Amino acid sequence: LMPTHAHQNPLWVLAYDDYPMTSIFAKDRILAEAYQGNYKFIFYHDAYYRMIQWDQAGKEIISELKREAKPKVPLLNK
């Protein structure tokens, strides 16, 4: 459902997802539970992060583990 931190938006589903609407509803439910439970997300495919923990609103990163290898594309901070 969320291979990278960029897929945090529930509407961002994978291009090859056969059931995108099911994924959107599932991601909404799972993310709400995860934010309230202070879950940590582990990413195997993310170019910048290996782990992220968001605040209970899902707006700010409160804990992170960045990749050690430099990404091919720089991260643009907001």
N, C-alpha and C. Protein backbone atom coordinates (compact mmCIF):
# COMPACT_ATOMS: atom_id res chain seq x y z
N LEU A 1 0.80 -1.20 0.00
CA LEU A 1 0.00 0.00 0.00
C LEU A 1 0.84 1.27 0.00
N MET A 2 2.04 1.21 0.59
CA MET A 2 2.87 2.40 0.71
C MET A 2 4.35 2.03 0.58
N PRO A 3 4.84 1.85 -0.64
CA PRO A 3 6.24 1.43 -0.82
C PRO A 3 7.27 2.52 -0.52
N THR A 4 6.84 3.79 -0.58
CA THR A 4 7.74 4.90 -0.26
C THR A 4 7.00 5.94 0.57
N HIS A 5 7.75 6.86 1.17
CA HIS A 5 7.10 7.90 1.98
C HIS A 5 6.24 8.81 1.12
N ALA A 6 6.53 8.92 -0.17
CA ALA A 6 5.73 9.75 -1.07
C ALA A 6 4.32 9.21 -1.27
N HIS A 7 4.09 7.95 -0.96
CA HIS A 7 2.78 7.33 -1.12
C HIS A 7 1.90 7.50 0.11
N GLN A 8 2.24 8.42 1.00
CA GLN A 8 1.43 8.64 2.21
C GLN A 8 0.03 9.12 1.85
N ASN A 9 -0.11 9.90 0.80
CA ASN A 9 -1.43 10.35 0.36
C ASN A 9 -2.25 9.12 -0.05
N PRO A 10 -3.43 8.92 0.54
CA PRO A 10 -4.23 7.73 0.21
C PRO A 10 -4.58 7.60 -1.28
N LEU A 11 -4.61 8.71 -2.00
CA LEU A 11 -4.96 8.66 -3.42
C LEU A 11 -3.79 8.21 -4.30
N TRP A 12 -2.61 8.17 -3.75
CA TRP A 12 -1.45 7.71 -4.51
C TRP A 12 -1.34 6.20 -4.39
N VAL A 13 -1.86 5.52 -5.39
CA VAL A 13 -1.80 4.06 -5.42
C VAL A 13 -0.83 3.63 -6.51
N LEU A 14 -0.43 2.39 -6.49
CA LEU A 14 0.52 1.89 -7.47
C LEU A 14 -0.14 1.75 -8.83
N ALA A 15 0.60 2.00 -9.88
CA ALA A 15 0.06 1.98 -11.24
C ALA A 15 -0.49 0.61 -11.63
N TYR A 16 0.06 -0.44 -11.07
CA TYR A 16 -0.37 -1.79 -11.43
C TYR A 16 -1.37 -2.37 -10.43
N ASP A 17 -1.93 -1.53 -9.57
CA ASP A 17 -2.92 -1.97 -8.58
C ASP A 17 -4.22 -2.35 -9.30
N ASP A 18 -4.65 -3.59 -9.15
CA ASP A 18 -5.88 -4.05 -9.81
C ASP A 18 -7.14 -3.52 -9.13
N TYR A 19 -7.04 -3.14 -7.87
CA TYR A 19 -8.21 -2.66 -7.11
C TYR A 19 -7.85 -1.36 -6.39
N PRO A 20 -7.67 -0.27 -7.16
CA PRO A 20 -7.20 0.97 -6.54
C PRO A 20 -8.17 1.55 -5.50
N MET A 21 -9.47 1.42 -5.72
CA MET A 21 -10.42 1.96 -4.74
C MET A 21 -10.34 1.19 -3.42
N THR A 22 -10.16 -0.10 -3.50
CA THR A 22 -9.99 -0.91 -2.28
C THR A 22 -8.72 -0.47 -1.55
N SER A 23 -7.67 -0.21 -2.29
CA SER A 23 -6.41 0.24 -1.69
C SER A 23 -6.56 1.60 -1.01
N ILE A 24 -7.31 2.51 -1.63
CA ILE A 24 -7.52 3.83 -1.05
C ILE A 24 -8.25 3.72 0.29
N PHE A 25 -9.33 2.94 0.32
CA PHE A 25 -10.08 2.77 1.57
C PHE A 25 -9.25 2.06 2.64
N ALA A 26 -8.49 1.05 2.22
CA ALA A 26 -7.65 0.32 3.17
C ALA A 26 -6.55 1.22 3.73
N LYS A 27 -5.94 2.02 2.86
CA LYS A 27 -4.87 2.90 3.31
C LYS A 27 -5.41 3.95 4.28
N ASP A 28 -6.60 4.50 4.01
CA ASP A 28 -7.22 5.44 4.94
C ASP A 28 -7.37 4.83 6.33
N ARG A 29 -7.89 3.62 6.37
CA ARG A 29 -8.14 2.93 7.65
C ARG A 29 -6.83 2.61 8.36
N ILE A 30 -5.88 2.07 7.62
CA ILE A 30 -4.60 1.65 8.21
C ILE A 30 -3.80 2.86 8.69
N LEU A 31 -3.77 3.94 7.91
CA LEU A 31 -3.00 5.12 8.32
C LEU A 31 -3.60 5.77 9.56
N ALA A 32 -4.92 5.84 9.65
CA ALA A 32 -5.56 6.42 10.84
C ALA A 32 -5.15 5.65 12.09
N GLU A 33 -5.18 4.33 12.01
CA GLU A 33 -4.78 3.49 13.14
C GLU A 33 -3.29 3.67 13.44
N ALA A 34 -2.48 3.74 12.39
CA ALA A 34 -1.03 3.84 12.56
C ALA A 34 -0.63 5.17 13.20
N TYR A 35 -1.24 6.26 12.77
CA TYR A 35 -0.92 7.57 13.36
C TYR A 35 -1.28 7.59 14.84
N GLN A 36 -2.46 7.11 15.18
CA GLN A 36 -2.91 7.11 16.58
C GLN A 36 -2.07 6.17 17.44
N GLY A 37 -1.59 5.09 16.85
CA GLY A 37 -0.79 4.11 17.58
C GLY A 37 0.70 4.39 17.58
N ASN A 38 1.10 5.52 16.97
CA ASN A 38 2.52 5.88 16.88
C ASN A 38 3.35 4.79 16.20
N TYR A 39 2.79 4.20 15.14
CA TYR A 39 3.50 3.16 14.40
C TYR A 39 4.69 3.75 13.67
N LYS A 40 5.67 2.91 13.40
CA LYS A 40 6.82 3.28 12.58
C LYS A 40 6.69 2.55 11.25
N PHE A 41 6.92 3.26 10.16
CA PHE A 41 6.80 2.71 8.82
C PHE A 41 8.19 2.39 8.29
N ILE A 42 8.36 1.18 7.79
CA ILE A 42 9.64 0.75 7.23
C ILE A 42 9.49 0.67 5.71
N PHE A 43 10.44 1.28 5.01
CA PHE A 43 10.39 1.33 3.55
C PHE A 43 11.60 0.63 2.95
N TYR A 44 11.35 -0.31 2.08
CA TYR A 44 12.44 -1.00 1.37
C TYR A 44 12.74 -0.33 0.03
N HIS A 45 11.77 0.41 -0.52
CA HIS A 45 11.92 0.95 -1.87
C HIS A 45 12.09 2.47 -1.89
N ASP A 46 12.15 3.10 -0.75
CA ASP A 46 12.25 4.55 -0.69
C ASP A 46 13.69 4.99 -0.95
N ALA A 47 13.86 6.04 -1.73
CA ALA A 47 15.20 6.53 -2.07
C ALA A 47 15.83 7.34 -0.95
N TYR A 48 15.03 7.79 0.02
CA TYR A 48 15.54 8.70 1.04
C TYR A 48 15.46 8.17 2.47
N TYR A 49 14.42 7.40 2.77
CA TYR A 49 14.20 6.95 4.15
C TYR A 49 14.09 5.44 4.24
N ARG A 50 14.56 4.88 5.35
CA ARG A 50 14.35 3.47 5.68
C ARG A 50 13.20 3.33 6.67
N MET A 51 13.02 4.35 7.52
CA MET A 51 11.95 4.32 8.51
C MET A 51 11.48 5.74 8.77
N ILE A 52 10.16 5.87 8.96
CA ILE A 52 9.56 7.16 9.33
C ILE A 52 8.48 6.89 10.36
N GLN A 53 8.38 7.82 11.31
CA GLN A 53 7.24 7.83 12.24
C GLN A 53 6.65 9.23 12.16
N TRP A 54 5.35 9.31 11.82
CA TRP A 54 4.66 10.58 11.74
C TRP A 54 3.97 10.89 13.06
N ASP A 55 3.63 12.17 13.27
CA ASP A 55 2.86 12.56 14.45
C ASP A 55 1.44 12.00 14.33
N GLN A 56 0.61 12.21 15.36
CA GLN A 56 -0.72 11.62 15.37
C GLN A 56 -1.66 12.22 14.33
N ALA A 57 -1.30 13.38 13.78
CA ALA A 57 -2.08 13.97 12.70
C ALA A 57 -1.59 13.50 11.33
N GLY A 58 -0.42 12.87 11.29
CA GLY A 58 0.14 12.42 10.02
C GLY A 58 0.74 13.54 9.20
N LYS A 59 1.05 14.66 9.84
CA LYS A 59 1.54 15.84 9.12
C LYS A 59 3.06 16.03 9.21
N GLU A 60 3.64 15.70 10.35
CA GLU A 60 5.06 15.94 10.54
C GLU A 60 5.79 14.66 10.92
N ILE A 61 7.02 14.55 10.45
CA ILE A 61 7.86 13.42 10.80
C ILE A 61 8.45 13.67 12.19
N ILE A 62 8.24 12.72 13.11
CA ILE A 62 8.78 12.89 14.46
C ILE A 62 9.99 11.98 14.71
N SER A 63 10.18 10.99 13.85
CA SER A 63 11.34 10.11 13.95
C SER A 63 11.65 9.59 12.55
N GLU A 64 12.92 9.47 12.23
CA GLU A 64 13.30 9.02 10.89
C GLU A 64 14.62 8.27 10.93
N LEU A 65 14.80 7.43 9.94
CA LEU A 65 16.08 6.77 9.70
C LEU A 65 16.34 6.94 8.21
N LYS A 66 17.30 7.80 7.89
CA LYS A 66 17.60 8.06 6.48
C LYS A 66 18.50 6.97 5.92
N ARG A 67 18.43 6.81 4.60
CA ARG A 67 19.33 5.87 3.91
C ARG A 67 20.76 6.34 4.07
N GLU A 68 21.66 5.40 4.14
CA GLU A 68 23.08 5.76 4.21
C GLU A 68 23.65 6.07 2.84
N ALA A 69 23.18 5.35 1.82
CA ALA A 69 23.65 5.60 0.46
C ALA A 69 23.00 6.87 -0.07
N LYS A 70 23.76 7.64 -0.81
CA LYS A 70 23.23 8.87 -1.40
C LYS A 70 22.25 8.52 -2.52
N PRO A 71 21.06 9.16 -2.54
CA PRO A 71 20.11 8.91 -3.63
C PRO A 71 20.60 9.54 -4.93
N LYS A 72 20.12 9.03 -6.03
CA LYS A 72 20.49 9.56 -7.34
C LYS A 72 19.84 10.92 -7.60
N VAL A 73 18.68 11.16 -6.93
CA VAL A 73 17.94 12.41 -7.09
C VAL A 73 17.88 13.09 -5.72
N PRO A 74 18.21 14.39 -5.63
CA PRO A 74 18.19 15.05 -4.32
C PRO A 74 16.77 15.22 -3.78
N LEU A 75 16.62 15.17 -2.45
CA LEU A 75 15.34 15.38 -1.79
C LEU A 75 15.08 16.86 -1.72
N LEU A 76 13.91 17.29 -2.20
CA LEU A 76 13.53 18.69 -2.15
C LEU A 76 12.74 18.94 -0.88
N ASN A 77 13.28 19.68 0.04
CA ASN A 77 12.59 19.99 1.29
C ASN A 77 11.58 21.10 1.07
N LYS A 78 10.50 21.02 1.84
CA LYS A 78 9.43 22.03 1.70
C LYS A 78 9.81 23.31 2.39
